[in-house]
Amino acid sequence: MATAPATLERVARMSFAQVYPLYVTKLERKGRTKAELDEVITWLTGFDEAAIAQHVADQTTFAEFFERSTLHQNASLITGVICGVRVEEIEEPLMQQVRYLDKLVDELAKGKAMEKVLRS
């Protein structure tokens, strides 16, 4: 599924620092922790907790964030629907990577066990 160029550009310029606190808030409301969020981000991107904090402090864009990451070899196992779109059908790599992260956060918020979220 193709993403509109304007949408893709907007997402690419969006700061990871804008979205990260929203993820934290969402998960804490559901009884999960910031540490669990960081574990998911580390699994997906290869960034450790210090690198995640640095990206937040530097206001890194999503485009830069995912350019600098090393996606986990099992990231392609992340499937399902997020915002009405199947993540495995998204054509643009950046949009798919952002949706991978969204999907993992949603699974955590829904109470899924960490082993299942991390596809282990």
Protein backbone atom coordinates (compact mmCIF):
# COMPACT_ATOMS: atom_id res chain seq x y z
CA MET A 1 0.00 0.00 0.00
CA ALA A 2 1.40 3.36 -1.03
CA THR A 3 1.46 6.36 1.29
CA ALA A 4 0.66 9.84 0.00
CA PRO A 5 3.88 11.84 -0.57
CA ALA A 6 2.70 14.67 1.70
CA THR A 7 2.01 12.22 4.53
CA LEU A 8 5.37 10.53 4.07
CA GLU A 9 7.16 13.88 4.15
CA ARG A 10 5.29 14.95 7.30
CA VAL A 11 6.17 11.70 9.09
CA ALA A 12 9.82 11.90 7.96
CA ARG A 13 10.14 15.41 9.46
CA MET A 14 8.30 14.55 12.68
CA SER A 15 10.53 14.52 15.73
CA PHE A 16 10.93 11.24 17.62
CA ALA A 17 10.97 13.42 20.75
CA GLN A 18 7.38 14.53 20.02
CA VAL A 19 6.09 10.96 19.88
CA TYR A 20 8.19 9.25 22.56
CA PRO A 21 6.39 10.88 25.55
CA LEU A 22 3.05 9.95 23.97
CA TYR A 23 4.16 6.32 23.83
CA VAL A 24 5.25 6.50 27.49
CA THR A 25 1.94 8.03 28.58
CA LYS A 26 -0.09 5.47 26.63
CA LEU A 27 1.81 2.56 28.14
CA GLU A 28 1.81 3.89 31.70
CA ARG A 29 -1.97 4.37 31.50
CA LYS A 30 -2.18 0.66 30.67
CA GLY A 31 0.10 -0.42 33.53
CA ARG A 32 3.27 -0.81 31.45
CA THR A 33 6.56 1.00 32.04
CA LYS A 34 8.98 3.30 30.24
CA ALA A 35 11.59 0.55 30.67
CA GLU A 36 9.36 -1.84 28.70
CA LEU A 37 8.99 0.78 25.96
CA ASP A 38 12.76 1.21 25.83
CA GLU A 39 13.18 -2.57 25.63
CA VAL A 40 10.86 -2.69 22.61
CA ILE A 41 12.64 0.23 20.91
CA THR A 42 16.01 -1.40 21.61
CA TRP A 43 14.83 -4.68 20.10
CA LEU A 44 13.50 -2.97 16.97
CA THR A 45 16.26 -0.42 16.36
CA GLY A 46 19.37 -1.64 18.16
CA PHE A 47 19.57 1.60 20.18
CA ASP A 48 20.32 1.25 23.89
CA GLU A 49 18.60 3.37 26.55
CA ALA A 50 21.28 6.08 26.37
CA ALA A 51 20.97 6.33 22.58
CA ILE A 52 17.19 6.57 22.84
CA ALA A 53 17.52 9.39 25.38
CA GLN A 54 20.02 11.14 23.10
CA HIS A 55 17.63 10.94 20.14
CA VAL A 56 14.92 12.48 22.31
CA ALA A 57 17.28 15.25 23.50
CA ASP A 58 18.52 15.95 19.95
CA GLN A 59 14.97 16.16 18.55
CA THR A 60 15.95 13.56 15.92
CA THR A 61 13.43 13.24 13.08
CA PHE A 62 11.87 9.87 12.36
CA ALA A 63 13.81 9.77 9.08
CA GLU A 64 17.13 10.26 10.90
CA PHE A 65 16.11 7.93 13.73
CA PHE A 66 15.44 5.00 11.44
CA GLU A 67 18.37 5.80 9.09
CA ARG A 68 20.72 5.44 12.06
CA SER A 69 19.05 2.29 13.38
CA THR A 70 19.76 -1.33 12.63
CA LEU A 71 16.39 -3.02 12.38
CA HIS A 72 16.11 -6.36 14.11
CA GLN A 73 16.31 -9.31 11.74
CA ASN A 74 12.84 -10.43 12.87
CA ALA A 75 11.16 -7.05 12.31
CA SER A 76 9.46 -8.46 9.23
CA LEU A 77 7.57 -10.82 11.56
CA ILE A 78 5.61 -7.81 12.83
CA THR A 79 2.26 -8.14 11.12
CA GLY A 80 -1.26 -6.95 11.64
CA VAL A 81 -3.31 -3.81 11.32
CA ILE A 82 -2.38 -0.41 12.66
CA CYS A 83 -4.53 2.64 11.83
CA GLY A 84 -6.53 0.49 9.43
CA VAL A 85 -3.50 -0.55 7.37
CA ARG A 86 -1.69 -3.91 7.35
CA VAL A 87 1.93 -3.14 8.29
CA GLU A 88 3.28 -5.89 6.03
CA GLU A 89 1.66 -4.21 3.00
CA ILE A 90 3.20 -0.74 3.49
CA GLU A 91 5.51 -0.02 0.56
CA GLU A 92 7.67 2.86 1.88
CA PRO A 93 10.41 1.61 4.23
CA LEU A 94 10.25 4.61 6.60
CA MET A 95 6.49 4.44 6.98
CA GLN A 96 6.67 0.70 7.55
CA GLN A 97 9.35 1.14 10.23
CA VAL A 98 7.28 3.80 12.01
CA ARG A 99 4.25 1.51 11.88
CA TYR A 100 6.33 -1.40 13.20
CA LEU A 101 7.07 0.73 16.26
CA ASP A 102 3.43 1.77 16.58
CA LYS A 103 2.34 -1.87 16.36
CA LEU A 104 4.78 -2.98 19.06
CA VAL A 105 3.61 -0.17 21.37
CA ASP A 106 -0.02 -1.15 20.75
CA GLU A 107 0.71 -4.78 21.56
CA LEU A 108 2.39 -3.78 24.83
CA ALA A 109 -0.54 -1.53 25.71
CA LYS A 110 -2.96 -4.40 25.09
CA GLY A 111 -1.10 -6.49 27.68
CA LYS A 112 0.71 -8.89 25.37
CA ALA A 113 3.63 -10.72 26.97
CA MET A 114 7.03 -9.21 26.15
CA GLU A 115 8.23 -12.51 24.61
CA LYS A 116 5.41 -12.34 22.07
CA VAL A 117 5.86 -8.63 21.39
CA LEU A 118 9.57 -9.19 20.67
CA ARG A 119 8.86 -12.14 18.39
CA SER A 120 11.08 -14.45 20.40
